[in-house]
PDB file of all heavy atoms in Angstrom:
ATOM      1  N   VAL A   1     102.668 101.316 156.332  1.00  0.00           N
ATOM      2  CA  VAL A   1     102.303 100.349 155.238  1.00  0.00           C
ATOM      3  C   VAL A   1     100.824  99.956 155.528  1.00  0.00           C
ATOM      4  O   VAL A   1     100.150  99.778 154.504  1.00  0.00           O
ATOM      5  CB  VAL A   1     103.270  99.205 155.123  1.00  0.00           C
ATOM      6  CG1 VAL A   1     103.094  98.206 156.268  1.00  0.00           C
ATOM      7  CG2 VAL A   1     103.119  98.489 153.797  1.00  0.00           C
ATOM      8  N   LEU A   2     100.429  99.737 156.703  1.00  0.00           N
ATOM      9  CA  LEU A   2      99.039  99.394 156.994  1.00  0.00           C
ATOM     10  C   LEU A   2      98.099 100.512 156.601  1.00  0.00           C
ATOM     11  O   LEU A   2      96.996 100.260 156.145  1.00  0.00           O
ATOM     12  CB  LEU A   2      98.884  98.979 158.399  1.00  0.00           C
ATOM     13  CG  LEU A   2      99.611  97.645 158.852  1.00  0.00           C
ATOM     14  CD1 LEU A   2      99.508  97.434 160.350  1.00  0.00           C
ATOM     15  CD2 LEU A   2      98.991  96.492 158.122  1.00  0.00           C
ATOM     16  N   ALA A   3      98.491 101.715 156.860  1.00  0.00           N
ATOM     17  CA  ALA A   3      97.649 102.822 156.371  1.00  0.00           C
ATOM     18  C   ALA A   3      97.532 102.931 154.896  1.00  0.00           C
ATOM     19  O   ALA A   3      96.455 103.128 154.311  1.00  0.00           O
ATOM     20  CB  ALA A   3      98.224 104.218 156.873  1.00  0.00           C
ATOM     21  N   TRP A   4      98.609 102.608 154.113  1.00  0.00           N
ATOM     22  CA  TRP A   4      98.539 102.567 152.689  1.00  0.00           C
ATOM     23  C   TRP A   4      97.677 101.391 152.249  1.00  0.00           C
ATOM     24  O   TRP A   4      96.889 101.460 151.267  1.00  0.00           O
ATOM     25  CB  TRP A   4      99.918 102.431 152.004  1.00  0.00           C
ATOM     26  CG  TRP A   4     100.610 103.725 151.968  1.00  0.00           C
ATOM     27  CD1 TRP A   4     101.655 104.197 152.744  1.00  0.00           C
ATOM     28  CD2 TRP A   4     100.352 104.775 151.035  1.00  0.00           C
ATOM     29  NE1 TRP A   4     102.034 105.467 152.295  1.00  0.00           N
ATOM     30  CE2 TRP A   4     101.237 105.872 151.267  1.00  0.00           C
ATOM     31  CE3 TRP A   4      99.473 104.944 150.004  1.00  0.00           C
ATOM     32  CZ2 TRP A   4     101.285 107.033 150.563  1.00  0.00           C
ATOM     33  CZ3 TRP A   4      99.415 106.148 149.284  1.00  0.00           C
ATOM     34  CH2 TRP A   4     100.296 107.148 149.528  1.00  0.00           C
ATOM     35  N   LEU A   5      97.755 100.268 152.919  1.00  0.00           N
ATOM     36  CA  LEU A   5      96.868  99.173 152.532  1.00  0.00           C
ATOM     37  C   LEU A   5      95.392  99.380 152.802  1.00  0.00           C
ATOM     38  O   LEU A   5      94.548  98.982 152.048  1.00  0.00           O
ATOM     39  CB  LEU A   5      97.341  97.869 153.268  1.00  0.00           C
ATOM     40  CG  LEU A   5      98.742  97.342 152.806  1.00  0.00           C
ATOM     41  CD1 LEU A   5      99.247  96.229 153.639  1.00  0.00           C
ATOM     42  CD2 LEU A   5      98.760  96.949 151.397  1.00  0.00           C
ATOM     43  N   ARG A   6      95.149 100.175 153.932  1.00  0.00           N
ATOM     44  CA  ARG A   6      93.700 100.594 154.160  1.00  0.00           C
ATOM     45  C   ARG A   6      93.225 101.492 153.012  1.00  0.00           C
ATOM     46  O   ARG A   6      92.077 101.407 152.602  1.00  0.00           O
ATOM     47  CB  ARG A   6      93.586 101.300 155.529  1.00  0.00           C
ATOM     48  CG  ARG A   6      93.594 100.316 156.700  1.00  0.00           C
ATOM     49  CD  ARG A   6      93.214 101.053 157.972  1.00  0.00           C
ATOM     50  NE  ARG A   6      94.155 102.154 158.303  1.00  0.00           N
ATOM     51  CZ  ARG A   6      95.267 102.109 159.011  1.00  0.00           C
ATOM     52  NH1 ARG A   6      95.657 100.907 159.442  1.00  0.00           N
ATOM     53  NH2 ARG A   6      95.924 103.105 159.250  1.00  0.00           N
ATOM     54  N   THR A   7      94.082 102.427 152.555  1.00  0.00           N
ATOM     55  CA  THR A   7      93.778 103.303 151.472  1.00  0.00           C
ATOM     56  C   THR A   7      93.494 102.397 150.184  1.00  0.00           C
ATOM     57  O   THR A   7      92.503 102.663 149.499  1.00  0.00           O
ATOM     58  CB  THR A   7      94.937 104.257 151.205  1.00  0.00           C
ATOM     59  OG1 THR A   7      95.106 105.019 152.387  1.00  0.00           O
ATOM     60  CG2 THR A   7      94.619 105.180 150.038  1.00  0.00           C
ATOM     61  N   SER A   8      94.346 101.406 149.997  1.00  0.00           N
ATOM     62  CA  SER A   8      94.104 100.468 148.820  1.00  0.00           C
ATOM     63  C   SER A   8      92.713  99.835 148.952  1.00  0.00           C
ATOM     64  O   SER A   8      91.976  99.751 147.954  1.00  0.00           O
ATOM     65  CB  SER A   8      95.232  99.528 148.779  1.00  0.00           C
ATOM     66  OG  SER A   8      95.005  98.560 147.803  1.00  0.00           O
ATOM     67  N   LEU A   9      92.385  99.327 150.079  1.00  0.00           N
ATOM     68  CA  LEU A   9      91.141  98.655 150.360  1.00  0.00           C
ATOM     69  C   LEU A   9      90.001  99.593 150.036  1.00  0.00           C
ATOM     70  O   LEU A   9      88.940  99.205 149.495  1.00  0.00           O
ATOM     71  CB  LEU A   9      91.081  98.086 151.691  1.00  0.00           C
ATOM     72  CG  LEU A   9      89.871  97.242 152.077  1.00  0.00           C
ATOM     73  CD1 LEU A   9      89.712  96.071 151.165  1.00  0.00           C
ATOM     74  CD2 LEU A   9      89.944  96.791 153.467  1.00  0.00           C
ATOM     75  N   ALA A  10      90.104 100.862 150.504  1.00  0.00           N
ATOM     76  CA  ALA A  10      89.073 101.861 150.332  1.00  0.00           C
ATOM     77  C   ALA A  10      88.894 102.193 148.810  1.00  0.00           C
ATOM     78  O   ALA A  10      87.725 102.276 148.367  1.00  0.00           O
ATOM     79  CB  ALA A  10      89.369 103.133 151.061  1.00  0.00           C
ATOM     80  N   LEU A  11      89.993 102.214 148.083  1.00  0.00           N
ATOM     81  CA  LEU A  11      89.932 102.442 146.688  1.00  0.00           C
ATOM     82  C   LEU A  11      89.183 101.236 145.944  1.00  0.00           C
ATOM     83  O   LEU A  11      88.442 101.539 145.035  1.00  0.00           O
ATOM     84  CB  LEU A  11      91.284 102.715 146.047  1.00  0.00           C
ATOM     85  CG  LEU A  11      91.985 103.973 146.440  1.00  0.00           C
ATOM     86  CD1 LEU A  11      93.477 103.956 146.096  1.00  0.00           C
ATOM     87  CD2 LEU A  11      91.279 105.107 145.708  1.00  0.00           C
ATOM     88  N   MET A  12      89.527 100.114 146.370  1.00  0.00           N
ATOM     89  CA  MET A  12      88.837  98.950 145.778  1.00  0.00           C
ATOM     90  C   MET A  12      87.352  98.969 146.067  1.00  0.00           C
ATOM     91  O   MET A  12      86.557  98.670 145.220  1.00  0.00           O
ATOM     92  CB  MET A  12      89.542  97.593 146.296  1.00  0.00           C
ATOM     93  CG  MET A  12      88.974  96.374 145.590  1.00  0.00           C
ATOM     94  SD  MET A  12      89.789  94.851 146.159  1.00  0.00           S
ATOM     95  CE  MET A  12      91.480  95.324 145.794  1.00  0.00           C
ATOM     96  N   ALA A  13      87.019  99.282 147.320  1.00  0.00           N
ATOM     97  CA  ALA A  13      85.494  99.436 147.644  1.00  0.00           C
ATOM     98  C   ALA A  13      84.869 100.469 146.813  1.00  0.00           C
ATOM     99  O   ALA A  13      83.745 100.321 146.432  1.00  0.00           O
ATOM    100  CB  ALA A  13      85.439  99.741 149.147  1.00  0.00           C
ATOM    101  N   ALA A  14      85.581 101.554 146.593  1.00  0.00           N
ATOM    102  CA  ALA A  14      85.020 102.688 145.712  1.00  0.00           C
ATOM    103  C   ALA A  14      84.749 102.136 144.343  1.00  0.00           C
ATOM    104  O   ALA A  14      83.783 102.442 143.733  1.00  0.00           O
ATOM    105  CB  ALA A  14      85.878 103.838 145.743  1.00  0.00           C
ATOM    106  N   GLY A  15      85.724 101.389 143.791  1.00  0.00           N
ATOM    107  CA  GLY A  15      85.529 100.802 142.460  1.00  0.00           C
ATOM    108  C   GLY A  15      84.358  99.880 142.371  1.00  0.00           C
ATOM    109  O   GLY A  15      83.522  99.947 141.457  1.00  0.00           O
ATOM    110  N   VAL A  16      84.161  99.049 143.370  1.00  0.00           N
ATOM    111  CA  VAL A  16      83.008  98.117 143.362  1.00  0.00           C
ATOM    112  C   VAL A  16      81.742  98.913 143.542  1.00  0.00           C
ATOM    113  O   VAL A  16      80.700  98.673 142.857  1.00  0.00           O
ATOM    114  CB  VAL A  16      83.156  97.069 144.554  1.00  0.00           C
ATOM    115  CG1 VAL A  16      81.895  96.301 144.730  1.00  0.00           C
ATOM    116  CG2 VAL A  16      84.306  96.119 144.252  1.00  0.00           C
ATOM    117  N   ALA A  17      81.749  99.934 144.438  1.00  0.00           N
ATOM    118  CA  ALA A  17      80.505 100.720 144.681  1.00  0.00           C
ATOM    119  C   ALA A  17      80.112 101.409 143.422  1.00  0.00           C
ATOM    120  O   ALA A  17      78.905 101.526 143.109  1.00  0.00           O
ATOM    121  CB  ALA A  17      80.832 101.704 145.785  1.00  0.00           C
ATOM    122  N   VAL A  18      81.071 101.985 142.629  1.00  0.00           N
ATOM    123  CA  VAL A  18      80.690 102.762 141.467  1.00  0.00           C
ATOM    124  C   VAL A  18      80.000 101.819 140.433  1.00  0.00           C
ATOM    125  O   VAL A  18      79.051 102.228 139.845  1.00  0.00           O
ATOM    126  CB  VAL A  18      81.945 103.480 140.860  1.00  0.00           C
ATOM    127  CG1 VAL A  18      81.604 103.913 139.453  1.00  0.00           C
ATOM    128  CG2 VAL A  18      82.382 104.603 141.753  1.00  0.00           C
ATOM    129  N   VAL A  19      80.552 100.641 140.270  1.00  0.00           N
ATOM    130  CA  VAL A  19      80.019  99.793 139.338  1.00  0.00           C
ATOM    131  C   VAL A  19      78.643  99.125 139.766  1.00  0.00           C
ATOM    132  O   VAL A  19      77.704  99.036 139.065  1.00  0.00           O
ATOM    133  CB  VAL A  19      81.003  98.643 138.916  1.00  0.00           C
ATOM    134  CG1 VAL A  19      80.370  97.585 138.080  1.00  0.00           C
ATOM    135  CG2 VAL A  19      82.256  99.296 138.301  1.00  0.00           C
ATOM    136  N   GLN A  20      78.590  98.723 140.938  1.00  0.00           N
ATOM    137  CA  GLN A  20      77.433  97.953 141.517  1.00  0.00           C
ATOM    138  C   GLN A  20      76.339  98.810 142.016  1.00  0.00           C
ATOM    139  O   GLN A  20      75.119  98.411 141.964  1.00  0.00           O
ATOM    140  CB  GLN A  20      77.903  96.993 142.594  1.00  0.00           C
ATOM    141  CG  GLN A  20      78.757  95.902 142.066  1.00  0.00           C
ATOM    142  CD  GLN A  20      78.153  94.998 141.053  1.00  0.00           C
ATOM    143  OE1 GLN A  20      77.014  94.554 141.173  1.00  0.00           O
ATOM    144  NE2 GLN A  20      78.905  94.676 139.961  1.00  0.00           N
ATOM    145  N   PHE A  21      76.646  99.870 142.730  1.00  0.00           N
ATOM    146  CA  PHE A  21      75.543 100.633 143.489  1.00  0.00           C
ATOM    147  C   PHE A  21      75.258 101.945 142.902  1.00  0.00           C
ATOM    148  O   PHE A  21      74.399 102.693 143.502  1.00  0.00           O
ATOM    149  CB  PHE A  21      76.032 100.743 144.931  1.00  0.00           C
ATOM    150  CG  PHE A  21      76.287  99.447 145.580  1.00  0.00           C
ATOM    151  CD1 PHE A  21      77.571  99.137 146.059  1.00  0.00           C
ATOM    152  CD2 PHE A  21      75.337  98.469 145.695  1.00  0.00           C
ATOM    153  CE1 PHE A  21      77.827  97.880 146.666  1.00  0.00           C
ATOM    154  CE2 PHE A  21      75.513  97.179 146.336  1.00  0.00           C
ATOM    155  CZ  PHE A  21      76.807  96.964 146.752  1.00  0.00           C
ATOM    156  N   VAL A  22      75.824 102.302 141.752  1.00  0.00           N
ATOM    157  CA  VAL A  22      75.505 103.658 141.228  1.00  0.00           C
ATOM    158  C   VAL A  22      75.039 103.290 139.739  1.00  0.00           C
ATOM    159  O   VAL A  22      75.602 103.902 138.803  1.00  0.00           O
ATOM    160  CB  VAL A  22      76.644 104.536 141.280  1.00  0.00           C
ATOM    161  CG1 VAL A  22      76.262 105.894 140.871  1.00  0.00           C
ATOM    162  CG2 VAL A  22      77.348 104.566 142.571  1.00  0.00           C
ATOM    163  N   PRO A  23      73.984 102.510 139.531  1.00  0.00           N
ATOM    164  CA  PRO A  23      73.675 102.128 138.186  1.00  0.00           C
ATOM    165  C   PRO A  23      73.057 103.252 137.294  1.00  0.00           C
ATOM    166  O   PRO A  23      73.118 103.249 136.071  1.00  0.00           O
ATOM    167  CB  PRO A  23      72.636 100.995 138.313  1.00  0.00           C
ATOM    168  CG  PRO A  23      72.076 101.266 139.677  1.00  0.00           C
ATOM    169  CD  PRO A  23      73.181 101.893 140.530  1.00  0.00           C
ATOM    170  N   LEU A  24      72.481 104.333 137.920  1.00  0.00           N
ATOM    171  CA  LEU A  24      71.847 105.315 137.123  1.00  0.00           C
ATOM    172  C   LEU A  24      72.792 106.499 136.830  1.00  0.00           C
ATOM    173  O   LEU A  24      72.309 107.460 136.185  1.00  0.00           O
ATOM    174  CB  LEU A  24      70.591 105.821 137.848  1.00  0.00           C
ATOM    175  CG  LEU A  24      69.530 104.791 138.156  1.00  0.00           C
ATOM    176  CD1 LEU A  24      68.381 105.360 138.934  1.00  0.00           C
ATOM    177  CD2 LEU A  24      69.033 104.169 136.820  1.00  0.00           C
ATOM    178  N   LEU A  25      73.965 106.529 137.188  1.00  0.00           N
ATOM    179  CA  LEU A  25      74.896 107.555 137.070  1.00  0.00           C
ATOM    180  C   LEU A  25      75.791 107.398 135.847  1.00  0.00           C
ATOM    181  O   LEU A  25      76.653 106.559 135.785  1.00  0.00           O
ATOM    182  CB  LEU A  25      75.861 107.733 138.338  1.00  0.00           C
ATOM    183  CG  LEU A  25      76.723 108.933 138.295  1.00  0.00           C
ATOM    184  CD1 LEU A  25      75.878 110.195 138.264  1.00  0.00           C
ATOM    185  CD2 LEU A  25      77.534 108.923 139.551  1.00  0.00           C
ATOM    186  N   GLY A  26      75.434 108.100 134.733  1.00  0.00           N
ATOM    187  CA  GLY A  26      76.202 108.042 133.567  1.00  0.00           C
ATOM    188  C   GLY A  26      76.032 106.715 132.745  1.00  0.00           C
ATOM    189  O   GLY A  26      75.274 105.894 133.078  1.00  0.00           O
ATOM    190  N   ARG A  27      76.759 106.714 131.678  1.00  0.00           N
ATOM    191  CA  ARG A  27      76.730 105.516 130.791  1.00  0.00           C
ATOM    192  C   ARG A  27      77.433 104.349 131.433  1.00  0.00           C
ATOM    193  O   ARG A  27      78.446 104.510 132.129  1.00  0.00           O
ATOM    194  CB  ARG A  27      77.351 105.867 129.472  1.00  0.00           C
ATOM    195  CG  ARG A  27      76.611 106.888 128.689  1.00  0.00           C
ATOM    196  CD  ARG A  27      77.239 107.076 127.378  1.00  0.00           C
ATOM    197  NE  ARG A  27      76.393 108.020 126.595  1.00  0.00           N
ATOM    198  CZ  ARG A  27      76.821 108.955 125.796  1.00  0.00           C
ATOM    199  NH1 ARG A  27      78.138 109.126 125.642  1.00  0.00           N
ATOM    200  NH2 ARG A  27      75.988 109.731 125.168  1.00  0.00           N
ATOM    201  N   PRO A  28      77.008 103.126 131.147  1.00  0.00           N
ATOM    202  CA  PRO A  28      77.554 101.927 131.790  1.00  0.00           C
ATOM    203  C   PRO A  28      79.034 101.834 131.478  1.00  0.00           C
ATOM    204  O   PRO A  28      79.840 101.477 132.413  1.00  0.00           O
ATOM    205  CB  PRO A  28      76.856 100.794 131.128  1.00  0.00           C
ATOM    206  CG  PRO A  28      75.533 101.391 130.772  1.00  0.00           C
ATOM    207  CD  PRO A  28      75.758 102.794 130.393  1.00  0.00           C
ATOM    208  N   ALA A  29      79.418 102.136 130.266  1.00  0.00           N
ATOM    209  CA  ALA A  29      80.934 102.043 129.924  1.00  0.00           C
ATOM    210  C   ALA A  29      81.752 102.961 130.741  1.00  0.00           C
ATOM    211  O   ALA A  29      82.841 102.646 131.155  1.00  0.00           O
ATOM    212  CB  ALA A  29      81.090 102.261 128.457  1.00  0.00           C
TER     213      ALA A  29
END
């Protein structure tokens, strides 16, 4: 369960990274 929760945290970090740190990639929407 801790491994799955780490995976969940990594997915959340990926979501934040895509929105906040990749501003020039594709359309904002």
